[in-house]
């Protein structure tokens, strides 16, 4: 065996391992912030069910985040928000601080849960609207069917009282 052949196998092994680690890291960090969704909502507080559409995106290649939700049945409130995304703040959690319509503001925390199930992610949203002292939370568990489609289930509450349950289908663009 030539001296050059002795070095080729370790180099190929290291190159393959580095490429695999890089690909795995990219897949784990694959939260999409450019997406559109359609939700079916059941609202226990207002005693009505309905549909809503949402869209969110990062502006260009920046960390400026914009989002909007429209109630398709005129039974809820439409909203528009703008915020800033802080990636991997702690333990792989991305945090978005936002301000929105109706004097709203809040924080969105998202994390990939690939270590539990590949394609799974969790999201928690804390917000206040209109200067009220009502703390609203949304707890969401989502599954990425593939790189383009996601299905999510969420529960929203206000001051610990469950108000709305939603099932959402999203398209990542």
C-alpha atoms as a PDB file:
ATOM      1  CA  UNK A   1       0.000   0.000   0.000  1.00  0.00           C
ATOM      2  CA  UNK A   2       1.423   3.358  -0.979  1.00  0.00           C
ATOM      3  CA  UNK A   3       1.913   6.084   1.664  1.00  0.00           C
ATOM      4  CA  UNK A   4      -0.775   8.192  -0.025  1.00  0.00           C
ATOM      5  CA  UNK A   5      -3.349   5.386   0.207  1.00  0.00           C
ATOM      6  CA  UNK A   6      -2.837   5.167   3.973  1.00  0.00           C
ATOM      7  CA  UNK A   7      -4.044   8.772   4.304  1.00  0.00           C
ATOM      8  CA  UNK A   8      -6.993   8.556   1.924  1.00  0.00           C
ATOM      9  CA  UNK A   9      -9.177   6.304   4.108  1.00  0.00           C
ATOM     10  CA  UNK A  10      -8.937   8.519   7.253  1.00  0.00           C
ATOM     11  CA  UNK A  11      -9.506  11.652   5.156  1.00  0.00           C
ATOM     12  CA  UNK A  12     -12.587  10.135   3.498  1.00  0.00           C
ATOM     13  CA  UNK A  13     -13.900   8.990   6.894  1.00  0.00           C
ATOM     14  CA  UNK A  14     -13.435  12.435   8.457  1.00  0.00           C
ATOM     15  CA  UNK A  15     -14.981  14.154   5.432  1.00  0.00           C
ATOM     16  CA  UNK A  16     -18.022  11.848   5.543  1.00  0.00           C
ATOM     17  CA  UNK A  17     -18.489  12.366   9.295  1.00  0.00           C
ATOM     18  CA  UNK A  18     -18.178  16.144   8.955  1.00  0.00           C
ATOM     19  CA  UNK A  19     -20.717  16.222   6.115  1.00  0.00           C
ATOM     20  CA  UNK A  20     -23.154  14.059   8.095  1.00  0.00           C
ATOM     21  CA  UNK A  21     -22.805  16.248  11.205  1.00  0.00           C
ATOM     22  CA  UNK A  22     -23.326  19.377   9.122  1.00  0.00           C
ATOM     23  CA  UNK A  23     -26.446  17.952   7.457  1.00  0.00           C
ATOM     24  CA  UNK A  24     -27.866  16.821  10.807  1.00  0.00           C
ATOM     25  CA  UNK A  25     -27.206  20.242  12.349  1.00  0.00           C
ATOM     26  CA  UNK A  26     -28.922  21.983   9.412  1.00  0.00           C
ATOM     27  CA  UNK A  27     -31.960  19.696   9.721  1.00  0.00           C
ATOM     28  CA  UNK A  28     -32.219  20.290  13.477  1.00  0.00           C
ATOM     29  CA  UNK A  29     -32.090  24.053  13.004  1.00  0.00           C
ATOM     30  CA  UNK A  30     -34.742  23.940  10.309  1.00  0.00           C
ATOM     31  CA  UNK A  31     -37.535  26.059  11.803  1.00  0.00           C
ATOM     32  CA  UNK A  32     -39.361  27.818   8.984  1.00  0.00           C
ATOM     33  CA  UNK A  33     -40.343  31.433   9.526  1.00  0.00           C
ATOM     34  CA  UNK A  34     -41.827  31.900   6.059  1.00  0.00           C
ATOM     35  CA  UNK A  35     -45.183  30.156   6.165  1.00  0.00           C
ATOM     36  CA  UNK A  36     -48.900  30.504   5.583  1.00  0.00           C
ATOM     37  CA  UNK A  37     -51.595  28.639   7.478  1.00  0.00           C
ATOM     38  CA  UNK A  38     -55.287  27.818   7.623  1.00  0.00           C
ATOM     39  CA  UNK A  39     -56.807  27.077  11.046  1.00  0.00           C
ATOM     40  CA  UNK A  40     -60.061  25.690  12.371  1.00  0.00           C
ATOM     41  CA  UNK A  41     -60.715  27.214  15.790  1.00  0.00           C
ATOM     42  CA  UNK A  42     -63.138  26.246  18.540  1.00  0.00           C
ATOM     43  CA  UNK A  43     -63.719  29.144  20.921  1.00  0.00           C
ATOM     44  CA  UNK A  44     -65.256  28.056  24.216  1.00  0.00           C
ATOM     45  CA  UNK A  45     -65.399  31.603  25.641  1.00  0.00           C
ATOM     46  CA  UNK A  46     -67.399  33.109  22.770  1.00  0.00           C
ATOM     47  CA  UNK A  47     -69.219  29.848  22.011  1.00  0.00           C
ATOM     48  CA  UNK A  48     -68.413  29.800  18.302  1.00  0.00           C
ATOM     49  CA  UNK A  49     -66.190  27.926  15.890  1.00  0.00           C
ATOM     50  CA  UNK A  50     -64.540  29.344  12.802  1.00  0.00           C
ATOM     51  CA  UNK A  51     -61.658  29.539  10.384  1.00  0.00           C
ATOM     52  CA  UNK A  52     -58.681  31.860  10.241  1.00  0.00           C
ATOM     53  CA  UNK A  53     -55.784  32.370   7.851  1.00  0.00           C
ATOM     54  CA  UNK A  54     -52.315  33.434   8.914  1.00  0.00           C
ATOM     55  CA  UNK A  55     -49.023  34.347   7.327  1.00  0.00           C
ATOM     56  CA  UNK A  56     -45.624  35.067   8.785  1.00  0.00           C
ATOM     57  CA  UNK A  57     -42.256  35.765   7.209  1.00  0.00           C
ATOM     58  CA  UNK A  58     -38.807  37.141   7.781  1.00  0.00           C
ATOM     59  CA  UNK A  59     -38.114  40.328   5.813  1.00  0.00           C
ATOM     60  CA  UNK A  60     -35.428  39.489   3.278  1.00  0.00           C
ATOM     61  CA  UNK A  61     -32.425  37.875   4.934  1.00  0.00           C
ATOM     62  CA  UNK A  62     -32.884  39.893   8.141  1.00  0.00           C
ATOM     63  CA  UNK A  63     -34.273  38.797  11.497  1.00  0.00           C
ATOM     64  CA  UNK A  64     -37.204  41.215  11.193  1.00  0.00           C
ATOM     65  CA  UNK A  65     -40.374  39.142  11.493  1.00  0.00           C
ATOM     66  CA  UNK A  66     -43.868  40.112  10.289  1.00  0.00           C
ATOM     67  CA  UNK A  67     -47.099  38.235  10.895  1.00  0.00           C
ATOM     68  CA  UNK A  68     -50.810  38.653  10.217  1.00  0.00           C
ATOM     69  CA  UNK A  69     -53.966  36.712  11.061  1.00  0.00           C
ATOM     70  CA  UNK A  70     -57.374  37.185   9.446  1.00  0.00           C
ATOM     71  CA  UNK A  71     -60.577  35.665  10.825  1.00  0.00           C
ATOM     72  CA  UNK A  72     -62.430  34.297   7.816  1.00  0.00           C
ATOM     73  CA  UNK A  73     -65.850  34.218   9.509  1.00  0.00           C
ATOM     74  CA  UNK A  74     -65.877  37.744  11.038  1.00  0.00           C
ATOM     75  CA  UNK A  75     -66.236  36.229  14.529  1.00  0.00           C
ATOM     76  CA  UNK A  76     -62.774  37.125  15.814  1.00  0.00           C
ATOM     77  CA  UNK A  77     -60.178  39.872  15.630  1.00  0.00           C
ATOM     78  CA  UNK A  78     -57.750  40.326  12.770  1.00  0.00           C
ATOM     79  CA  UNK A  79     -54.202  41.204  13.776  1.00  0.00           C
ATOM     80  CA  UNK A  80     -50.907  42.406  12.330  1.00  0.00           C
ATOM     81  CA  UNK A  81     -47.572  42.146  14.144  1.00  0.00           C
ATOM     82  CA  UNK A  82     -43.925  43.011  13.599  1.00  0.00           C
ATOM     83  CA  UNK A  83     -41.021  41.755  15.664  1.00  0.00           C
ATOM     84  CA  UNK A  84     -37.408  40.723  15.849  1.00  0.00           C
ATOM     85  CA  UNK A  85     -36.217  37.091  15.847  1.00  0.00           C
ATOM     86  CA  UNK A  86     -33.412  36.062  18.203  1.00  0.00           C
ATOM     87  CA  UNK A  87     -32.144  32.654  17.054  1.00  0.00           C
ATOM     88  CA  UNK A  88     -31.015  29.982  19.516  1.00  0.00           C
ATOM     89  CA  UNK A  89     -31.303  32.173  22.622  1.00  0.00           C
ATOM     90  CA  UNK A  90     -30.984  29.262  25.055  1.00  0.00           C
ATOM     91  CA  UNK A  91     -31.215  25.466  24.652  1.00  0.00           C
ATOM     92  CA  UNK A  92     -32.006  25.778  20.935  1.00  0.00           C
ATOM     93  CA  UNK A  93     -35.028  28.038  21.544  1.00  0.00           C
ATOM     94  CA  UNK A  94     -35.692  30.826  19.046  1.00  0.00           C
ATOM     95  CA  UNK A  95     -37.425  33.858  20.594  1.00  0.00           C
ATOM     96  CA  UNK A  96     -39.350  36.570  18.750  1.00  0.00           C
ATOM     97  CA  UNK A  97     -40.272  39.777  20.561  1.00  0.00           C
ATOM     98  CA  UNK A  98     -43.196  41.483  18.804  1.00  0.00           C
ATOM     99  CA  UNK A  99     -45.621  44.390  18.891  1.00  0.00           C
ATOM    100  CA  UNK A 100     -48.946  44.261  17.140  1.00  0.00           C
ATOM    101  CA  UNK A 101     -52.311  45.774  16.440  1.00  0.00           C
ATOM    102  CA  UNK A 102     -54.652  46.580  19.344  1.00  0.00           C
ATOM    103  CA  UNK A 103     -51.640  47.790  21.382  1.00  0.00           C
ATOM    104  CA  UNK A 104     -50.514  44.176  21.652  1.00  0.00           C
ATOM    105  CA  UNK A 105     -47.050  42.906  22.456  1.00  0.00           C
ATOM    106  CA  UNK A 106     -45.479  39.608  23.400  1.00  0.00           C
ATOM    107  CA  UNK A 107     -42.873  36.912  22.937  1.00  0.00           C
ATOM    108  CA  UNK A 108     -42.939  33.784  20.785  1.00  0.00           C
ATOM    109  CA  UNK A 109     -40.640  30.905  21.789  1.00  0.00           C
ATOM    110  CA  UNK A 110     -40.118  28.055  19.296  1.00  0.00           C
ATOM    111  CA  UNK A 111     -37.924  24.987  19.380  1.00  0.00           C
ATOM    112  CA  UNK A 112     -37.381  21.957  17.236  1.00  0.00           C
ATOM    113  CA  UNK A 113     -38.025  18.754  19.191  1.00  0.00           C
ATOM    114  CA  UNK A 114     -36.222  16.389  16.818  1.00  0.00           C
ATOM    115  CA  UNK A 115     -34.651  14.582  19.779  1.00  0.00           C
ATOM    116  CA  UNK A 116     -38.175  13.435  20.745  1.00  0.00           C
ATOM    117  CA  UNK A 117     -39.603  12.785  17.251  1.00  0.00           C
ATOM    118  CA  UNK A 118     -38.082  13.891  13.951  1.00  0.00           C
ATOM    119  CA  UNK A 119     -40.127  16.811  12.573  1.00  0.00           C
ATOM    120  CA  UNK A 120     -41.740  17.747  15.906  1.00  0.00           C
ATOM    121  CA  UNK A 121     -41.614  21.302  17.262  1.00  0.00           C
ATOM    122  CA  UNK A 122     -43.061  23.206  20.175  1.00  0.00           C
ATOM    123  CA  UNK A 123     -44.159  26.825  20.423  1.00  0.00           C
ATOM    124  CA  UNK A 124     -45.332  29.007  23.309  1.00  0.00           C
ATOM    125  CA  UNK A 125     -46.676  32.533  22.816  1.00  0.00           C
ATOM    126  CA  UNK A 126     -47.181  35.021  25.642  1.00  0.00           C
ATOM    127  CA  UNK A 127     -49.021  38.239  24.841  1.00  0.00           C
ATOM    128  CA  UNK A 128     -51.045  41.134  26.203  1.00  0.00           C
ATOM    129  CA  UNK A 129     -53.480  43.225  24.163  1.00  0.00           C
ATOM    130  CA  UNK A 130     -54.866  46.716  24.636  1.00  0.00           C
ATOM    131  CA  UNK A 131     -52.876  47.434  27.785  1.00  0.00           C
ATOM    132  CA  UNK A 132     -54.950  44.898  29.711  1.00  0.00           C
ATOM    133  CA  UNK A 133     -53.631  42.908  32.636  1.00  0.00           C
ATOM    134  CA  UNK A 134     -54.713  39.691  30.931  1.00  0.00           C
ATOM    135  CA  UNK A 135     -51.835  37.321  30.234  1.00  0.00           C
ATOM    136  CA  UNK A 136     -52.667  35.276  27.146  1.00  0.00           C
ATOM    137  CA  UNK A 137     -50.768  32.112  26.299  1.00  0.00           C
ATOM    138  CA  UNK A 138     -50.822  29.823  23.287  1.00  0.00           C
ATOM    139  CA  UNK A 139     -49.295  26.353  23.642  1.00  0.00           C
ATOM    140  CA  UNK A 140     -48.642  24.573  20.348  1.00  0.00           C
ATOM    141  CA  UNK A 141     -47.270  21.225  19.254  1.00  0.00           C
ATOM    142  CA  UNK A 142     -46.560  20.909  15.533  1.00  0.00           C
ATOM    143  CA  UNK A 143     -45.363  18.145  13.226  1.00  0.00           C
ATOM    144  CA  UNK A 144     -43.530  18.806   9.980  1.00  0.00           C
ATOM    145  CA  UNK A 145     -44.969  16.268   7.553  1.00  0.00           C
ATOM    146  CA  UNK A 146     -42.194  17.232   5.126  1.00  0.00           C
ATOM    147  CA  UNK A 147     -40.195  20.381   4.332  1.00  0.00           C
ATOM    148  CA  UNK A 148     -43.272  22.151   2.926  1.00  0.00           C
ATOM    149  CA  UNK A 149     -46.221  21.119   5.131  1.00  0.00           C
ATOM    150  CA  UNK A 150     -46.862  21.244   8.857  1.00  0.00           C
ATOM    151  CA  UNK A 151     -49.847  20.238  11.019  1.00  0.00           C
ATOM    152  CA  UNK A 152     -50.273  21.861  14.440  1.00  0.00           C
ATOM    153  CA  UNK A 153     -52.607  21.688  17.424  1.00  0.00           C
ATOM    154  CA  UNK A 154     -52.753  24.579  19.881  1.00  0.00           C
ATOM    155  CA  UNK A 155     -54.583  25.645  22.998  1.00  0.00           C
ATOM    156  CA  UNK A 156     -54.989  29.320  23.922  1.00  0.00           C
ATOM    157  CA  UNK A 157     -55.844  30.597  27.371  1.00  0.00           C
ATOM    158  CA  UNK A 158     -56.295  33.923  29.124  1.00  0.00           C
ATOM    159  CA  UNK A 159     -55.183  34.087  32.772  1.00  0.00           C
ATOM    160  CA  UNK A 160     -55.183  30.293  32.930  1.00  0.00           C
ATOM    161  CA  UNK A 161     -58.703  29.813  31.505  1.00  0.00           C
ATOM    162  CA  UNK A 162     -58.725  27.779  28.262  1.00  0.00           C
ATOM    163  CA  UNK A 163     -60.452  29.780  25.535  1.00  0.00           C
ATOM    164  CA  UNK A 164     -59.614  28.358  22.121  1.00  0.00           C
ATOM    165  CA  UNK A 165     -58.369  25.148  20.551  1.00  0.00           C
ATOM    166  CA  UNK A 166     -57.046  25.221  17.003  1.00  0.00           C
ATOM    167  CA  UNK A 167     -55.921  22.766  14.354  1.00  0.00           C
ATOM    168  CA  UNK A 168     -53.704  24.364  11.720  1.00  0.00           C
ATOM    169  CA  UNK A 169     -52.250  23.266   8.397  1.00  0.00           C
ATOM    170  CA  UNK A 170     -49.270  25.346   7.273  1.00  0.00           C
ATOM    171  CA  UNK A 171     -47.329  25.693   4.037  1.00  0.00           C
ATOM    172  CA  UNK A 172     -43.663  26.682   4.325  1.00  0.00           C
ATOM    173  CA  UNK A 173     -42.466  28.874   1.457  1.00  0.00           C
END
